[in-house]
């Protein structure tokens, strides 16, 4: 019994682990190609030195900025791999494990579009007041970044966590516990402390939206708008006077309360 239980848990965890490893390997391959190019250029500059001496010279260089620029310039290949391979696999698994339920009609669609924006504002404005600074993304590959972070990323994460992991967790736990565990796993999947807290709050909303509508497109849309807001809007708020951001914060709180009230006043 215990062996069967742990086997099921491993089969659940293997999905986010494999996706994480897959994304890491793509970036690792790009990093290896970049470093190999640096080694080849150094060989031309120092033809009399050995391979080991060339590698030591390259390792002494601070290549973090050009490496990031190289990865950004080749991000389109990461996107293509995700579109061609990873997303179709996740969609297939989602269709395999999801429960067939009638989809609920979306209530207050306008609020649904504004809710992710105000949610993002409610979280980040207090951090700006506390001195957290956000980088304004100025790069020639910004459109590719928007595509990757604003569309492809949410599609992958929603099919992975709300689409696959959540349904698999419901095979082991009650719906409530499955929702909690799914949200925690989604949060852990994100890097630092602030991102984990943000993902924990966001994941709670996403799982509630999916449970209410039984339509994966709803959390994908919400998640996508949140990410786009974080990229396009939040960095510019740090240059606005505090009284104005306070007014934005209050209005956002009212809109978000209206959203939550219309969505879950009867069910939860």
Protein backbone atom coordinates (compact mmCIF):
# COMPACT_ATOMS: atom_id res chain seq x y z
CA UNK A 1 0.00 0.00 0.00
CA UNK A 2 2.75 2.44 0.99
CA UNK A 3 4.82 1.47 -2.03
CA UNK A 4 1.84 2.10 -4.30
CA UNK A 5 1.17 5.45 -2.63
CA UNK A 6 4.75 6.67 -2.97
CA UNK A 7 4.81 5.46 -6.54
CA UNK A 8 1.81 7.65 -7.33
CA UNK A 9 3.40 10.63 -5.58
CA UNK A 10 6.57 10.19 -7.63
CA UNK A 11 4.53 9.99 -10.84
CA UNK A 12 2.95 13.31 -9.87
CA UNK A 13 6.21 15.06 -8.99
CA UNK A 14 8.02 13.73 -12.05
CA UNK A 15 6.08 16.07 -14.34
CA UNK A 16 7.24 19.43 -12.89
CA UNK A 17 10.71 17.94 -12.40
CA UNK A 18 10.97 16.82 -16.02
CA UNK A 19 9.66 20.14 -17.35
CA UNK A 20 12.11 22.02 -15.13
CA UNK A 21 15.00 19.82 -16.27
CA UNK A 22 13.94 20.26 -19.89
CA UNK A 23 13.94 24.06 -19.63
CA UNK A 24 17.29 23.97 -17.83
CA UNK A 25 18.86 21.74 -20.48
CA UNK A 26 17.79 24.08 -23.28
CA UNK A 27 19.45 27.02 -21.53
CA UNK A 28 22.49 24.86 -20.64
CA UNK A 29 22.95 23.90 -24.30
CA UNK A 30 22.81 27.56 -25.36
CA UNK A 31 25.31 28.43 -22.61
CA UNK A 32 27.66 25.65 -23.76
CA UNK A 33 27.51 26.86 -27.38
CA UNK A 34 28.24 30.43 -26.24
CA UNK A 35 31.23 29.35 -24.12
CA UNK A 36 32.57 27.22 -26.98
CA UNK A 37 32.46 30.27 -29.23
CA UNK A 38 34.44 32.22 -26.64
CA UNK A 39 37.04 29.46 -26.50
CA UNK A 40 37.36 29.40 -30.30
CA UNK A 41 37.79 33.19 -30.42
CA UNK A 42 40.43 33.01 -27.71
CA UNK A 43 42.29 30.33 -29.66
CA UNK A 44 42.57 32.71 -32.59
CA UNK A 45 43.90 35.44 -30.30
CA UNK A 46 46.39 33.13 -28.54
CA UNK A 47 47.32 30.39 -31.05
CA UNK A 48 50.41 29.28 -29.11
CA UNK A 49 48.58 28.45 -25.89
CA UNK A 50 47.22 25.04 -24.94
CA UNK A 51 43.54 24.14 -24.69
CA UNK A 52 43.70 24.26 -20.89
CA UNK A 53 45.31 27.71 -20.90
CA UNK A 54 42.62 28.99 -23.26
CA UNK A 55 39.85 27.61 -21.03
CA UNK A 56 41.45 29.26 -17.98
CA UNK A 57 41.53 32.59 -19.81
CA UNK A 58 37.87 32.28 -20.70
CA UNK A 59 36.94 31.35 -17.13
CA UNK A 60 38.64 34.51 -15.86
CA UNK A 61 36.36 36.71 -17.98
CA UNK A 62 33.08 38.13 -16.67
CA UNK A 63 30.74 36.85 -19.37
CA UNK A 64 27.43 37.10 -17.49
CA UNK A 65 26.15 40.09 -19.49
CA UNK A 66 27.09 38.79 -22.98
CA UNK A 67 25.86 35.32 -22.01
CA UNK A 68 22.45 36.69 -21.02
CA UNK A 69 22.34 38.69 -24.25
CA UNK A 70 23.22 35.55 -26.25
CA UNK A 71 20.49 33.51 -24.55
CA UNK A 72 17.97 36.33 -25.14
CA UNK A 73 18.92 36.50 -28.81
CA UNK A 74 18.34 32.75 -29.16
CA UNK A 75 15.22 32.57 -26.98
CA UNK A 76 13.16 31.95 -30.10
CA UNK A 77 14.64 28.43 -30.22
CA UNK A 78 13.49 27.80 -26.65
CA UNK A 79 10.02 28.98 -27.66
CA UNK A 80 9.99 26.69 -30.69
CA UNK A 81 11.02 23.67 -28.60
CA UNK A 82 8.23 24.44 -26.15
CA UNK A 83 5.65 24.87 -28.93
CA UNK A 84 6.67 21.80 -30.94
CA UNK A 85 7.40 19.32 -28.16
CA UNK A 86 6.54 20.31 -24.58
CA UNK A 87 3.13 21.95 -25.01
CA UNK A 88 1.69 19.13 -27.21
CA UNK A 89 2.83 16.54 -24.64
CA UNK A 90 1.20 18.49 -21.80
CA UNK A 91 -2.03 18.95 -23.76
CA UNK A 92 -2.15 15.22 -24.51
CA UNK A 93 -1.66 14.36 -20.84
CA UNK A 94 -4.25 16.92 -19.78
CA UNK A 95 -6.87 15.43 -22.08
CA UNK A 96 -5.99 12.01 -20.74
CA UNK A 97 -6.42 12.81 -17.04
CA UNK A 98 -8.98 15.59 -16.87
CA UNK A 99 -12.48 14.84 -15.69
CA UNK A 100 -15.28 15.44 -18.14
CA UNK A 101 -17.49 18.11 -16.58
CA UNK A 102 -19.71 20.73 -18.09
CA UNK A 103 -17.96 24.08 -18.31
CA UNK A 104 -19.53 26.92 -16.37
CA UNK A 105 -20.38 30.18 -18.08
CA UNK A 106 -17.91 32.96 -17.32
CA UNK A 107 -19.44 35.53 -15.00
CA UNK A 108 -18.33 39.17 -15.23
CA UNK A 109 -15.89 38.77 -18.16
CA UNK A 110 -14.79 42.43 -17.93
CA UNK A 111 -13.81 41.97 -14.29
CA UNK A 112 -12.02 38.77 -15.26
CA UNK A 113 -9.82 40.77 -17.64
CA UNK A 114 -9.07 43.53 -15.12
CA UNK A 115 -8.61 41.23 -12.10
CA UNK A 116 -5.11 39.97 -13.02
CA UNK A 117 -3.93 43.54 -13.59
CA UNK A 118 -5.17 44.79 -10.21
CA UNK A 119 -3.93 41.62 -8.48
CA UNK A 120 -0.47 42.37 -9.82
CA UNK A 121 -0.73 45.99 -8.67
CA UNK A 122 -1.89 45.01 -5.18
CA UNK A 123 1.12 42.74 -4.71
CA UNK A 124 3.87 44.88 -6.23
CA UNK A 125 2.94 48.42 -5.15
CA UNK A 126 3.66 47.74 -1.43
CA UNK A 127 7.01 46.22 -2.44
CA UNK A 128 7.82 49.39 -4.39
CA UNK A 129 6.99 51.43 -1.27
CA UNK A 130 9.41 49.20 0.66
CA UNK A 131 12.19 49.96 -1.82
CA UNK A 132 12.11 46.93 -4.10
CA UNK A 133 13.29 47.97 -7.56
CA UNK A 134 12.14 46.41 -10.83
CA UNK A 135 14.22 46.39 -13.97
CA UNK A 136 12.76 48.12 -17.01
CA UNK A 137 13.24 45.67 -19.85
CA UNK A 138 14.87 47.56 -22.72
CA UNK A 139 16.13 45.04 -25.24
CA UNK A 140 15.86 44.40 -28.93
CA UNK A 141 14.43 40.99 -28.08
CA UNK A 142 11.71 42.34 -25.80
CA UNK A 143 8.92 41.05 -28.06
CA UNK A 144 10.38 37.54 -27.83
CA UNK A 145 10.53 37.92 -24.05
CA UNK A 146 6.87 38.94 -23.99
CA UNK A 147 5.98 35.89 -26.07
CA UNK A 148 8.00 33.59 -23.83
CA UNK A 149 7.01 34.97 -20.41
CA UNK A 150 3.59 36.33 -21.26
CA UNK A 151 2.13 33.53 -23.37
CA UNK A 152 4.23 30.37 -23.68
CA UNK A 153 5.16 30.26 -19.97
CA UNK A 154 1.56 30.52 -18.70
CA UNK A 155 0.38 27.88 -21.18
CA UNK A 156 3.04 25.42 -20.02
CA UNK A 157 2.53 26.09 -16.31
CA UNK A 158 -1.27 25.91 -16.46
CA UNK A 159 -1.37 22.65 -18.39
CA UNK A 160 1.32 21.29 -16.08
CA UNK A 161 -0.06 22.30 -12.67
CA UNK A 162 -3.78 22.94 -13.04
CA UNK A 163 -4.14 20.53 -15.96
CA UNK A 164 -2.07 17.50 -14.94
CA UNK A 165 -0.71 17.75 -11.38
CA UNK A 166 -4.04 18.87 -9.89
CA UNK A 167 -6.00 15.99 -11.44
CA UNK A 168 -3.38 13.47 -10.40
CA UNK A 169 -3.41 14.83 -6.84
CA UNK A 170 -7.19 14.38 -6.70
CA UNK A 171 -6.61 10.66 -7.21
CA UNK A 172 -4.80 10.59 -3.84
CA UNK A 173 -6.38 13.38 -1.78
CA UNK A 174 -9.61 15.25 -1.30
CA UNK A 175 -10.28 18.11 -3.69
CA UNK A 176 -9.41 20.72 -1.07
CA UNK A 177 -6.08 19.09 -0.19
CA UNK A 178 -5.30 18.55 -3.87
CA UNK A 179 -5.84 22.26 -4.49
CA UNK A 180 -3.54 23.17 -1.59
CA UNK A 181 -0.76 20.77 -2.61
CA UNK A 182 -0.99 21.85 -6.25
CA UNK A 183 -0.68 25.51 -5.25
CA UNK A 184 2.31 24.82 -2.99
CA UNK A 185 4.09 22.87 -5.74
CA UNK A 186 3.41 25.71 -8.17
CA UNK A 187 4.92 28.20 -5.71
CA UNK A 188 8.01 26.06 -5.04
CA UNK A 189 8.54 25.84 -8.80
CA UNK A 190 9.35 29.58 -8.76
CA UNK A 191 12.73 30.92 -7.60
CA UNK A 192 13.29 33.37 -4.79
CA UNK A 193 11.23 34.18 -1.69
CA UNK A 194 9.23 37.06 -3.21
CA UNK A 195 8.41 35.02 -6.31
CA UNK A 196 7.31 32.08 -4.16
CA UNK A 197 4.92 34.27 -2.14
CA UNK A 198 3.59 35.84 -5.33
CA UNK A 199 3.16 32.40 -6.96
CA UNK A 200 1.43 31.09 -3.84
CA UNK A 201 -1.19 33.84 -4.01
CA UNK A 202 -1.49 33.62 -7.80
CA UNK A 203 -1.71 29.82 -7.71
CA UNK A 204 -4.58 30.00 -5.22
CA UNK A 205 -6.58 32.20 -7.59
CA UNK A 206 -5.73 30.08 -10.61
CA UNK A 207 -6.80 26.80 -9.01
CA UNK A 208 -10.05 28.37 -7.80
CA UNK A 209 -10.75 29.70 -11.30
CA UNK A 210 -10.06 26.31 -12.85
CA UNK A 211 -12.22 24.52 -10.30
CA UNK A 212 -15.06 26.96 -10.90
CA UNK A 213 -15.07 26.96 -14.70
CA UNK A 214 -13.46 23.57 -15.52
CA UNK A 215 -11.79 25.30 -18.44
CA UNK A 216 -7.99 25.50 -18.59
CA UNK A 217 -8.19 28.55 -20.86
CA UNK A 218 -9.45 30.72 -17.97
CA UNK A 219 -6.38 30.34 -15.72
CA UNK A 220 -4.14 30.57 -18.80
CA UNK A 221 -5.68 33.95 -19.65
CA UNK A 222 -5.43 35.18 -16.05
CA UNK A 223 -1.83 33.97 -15.70
CA UNK A 224 -0.83 35.50 -19.03
CA UNK A 225 -2.24 38.94 -18.16
CA UNK A 226 -0.48 38.85 -14.78
CA UNK A 227 2.88 38.13 -16.43
CA UNK A 228 2.38 40.77 -19.12
CA UNK A 229 1.42 43.32 -16.46
CA UNK A 230 4.58 42.48 -14.48
CA UNK A 231 6.71 43.08 -17.57
CA UNK A 232 4.98 46.07 -19.10
CA UNK A 233 3.50 48.05 -16.21
CA UNK A 234 5.05 47.32 -12.82
CA UNK A 235 8.61 48.62 -13.55
CA UNK A 236 7.19 52.03 -14.48
CA UNK A 237 5.23 52.46 -11.22
CA UNK A 238 8.43 53.02 -9.24
CA UNK A 239 8.80 56.41 -10.96
CA UNK A 240 5.33 57.60 -9.88
CA UNK A 241 4.67 59.67 -6.74
CA UNK A 242 3.49 57.71 -3.69
CA UNK A 243 0.06 59.47 -3.41
CA UNK A 244 -0.75 58.40 -6.98
CA UNK A 245 0.33 54.81 -6.38
CA UNK A 246 -1.72 54.85 -3.17
CA UNK A 247 -4.79 55.87 -5.18
CA UNK A 248 -4.04 53.12 -7.72
CA UNK A 249 -3.67 50.64 -4.85
CA UNK A 250 -7.06 51.57 -3.34
CA UNK A 251 -8.87 51.39 -6.70
CA UNK A 252 -7.19 48.04 -7.42
CA UNK A 253 -8.34 46.72 -4.05
CA UNK A 254 -11.94 47.68 -4.77
CA UNK A 255 -11.89 46.08 -8.23
CA UNK A 256 -10.27 42.90 -6.94
CA UNK A 257 -12.83 42.63 -4.13
CA UNK A 258 -15.62 42.97 -6.69
CA UNK A 259 -13.99 40.24 -8.77
CA UNK A 260 -13.70 37.81 -5.85
CA UNK A 261 -17.25 38.60 -4.71
CA UNK A 262 -18.77 37.91 -8.13
CA UNK A 263 -16.74 34.73 -8.67
CA UNK A 264 -17.05 32.94 -5.35
CA UNK A 265 -19.84 34.47 -3.29
CA UNK A 266 -22.00 31.36 -3.69
CA UNK A 267 -19.56 28.48 -4.03
CA UNK A 268 -16.94 29.27 -1.39
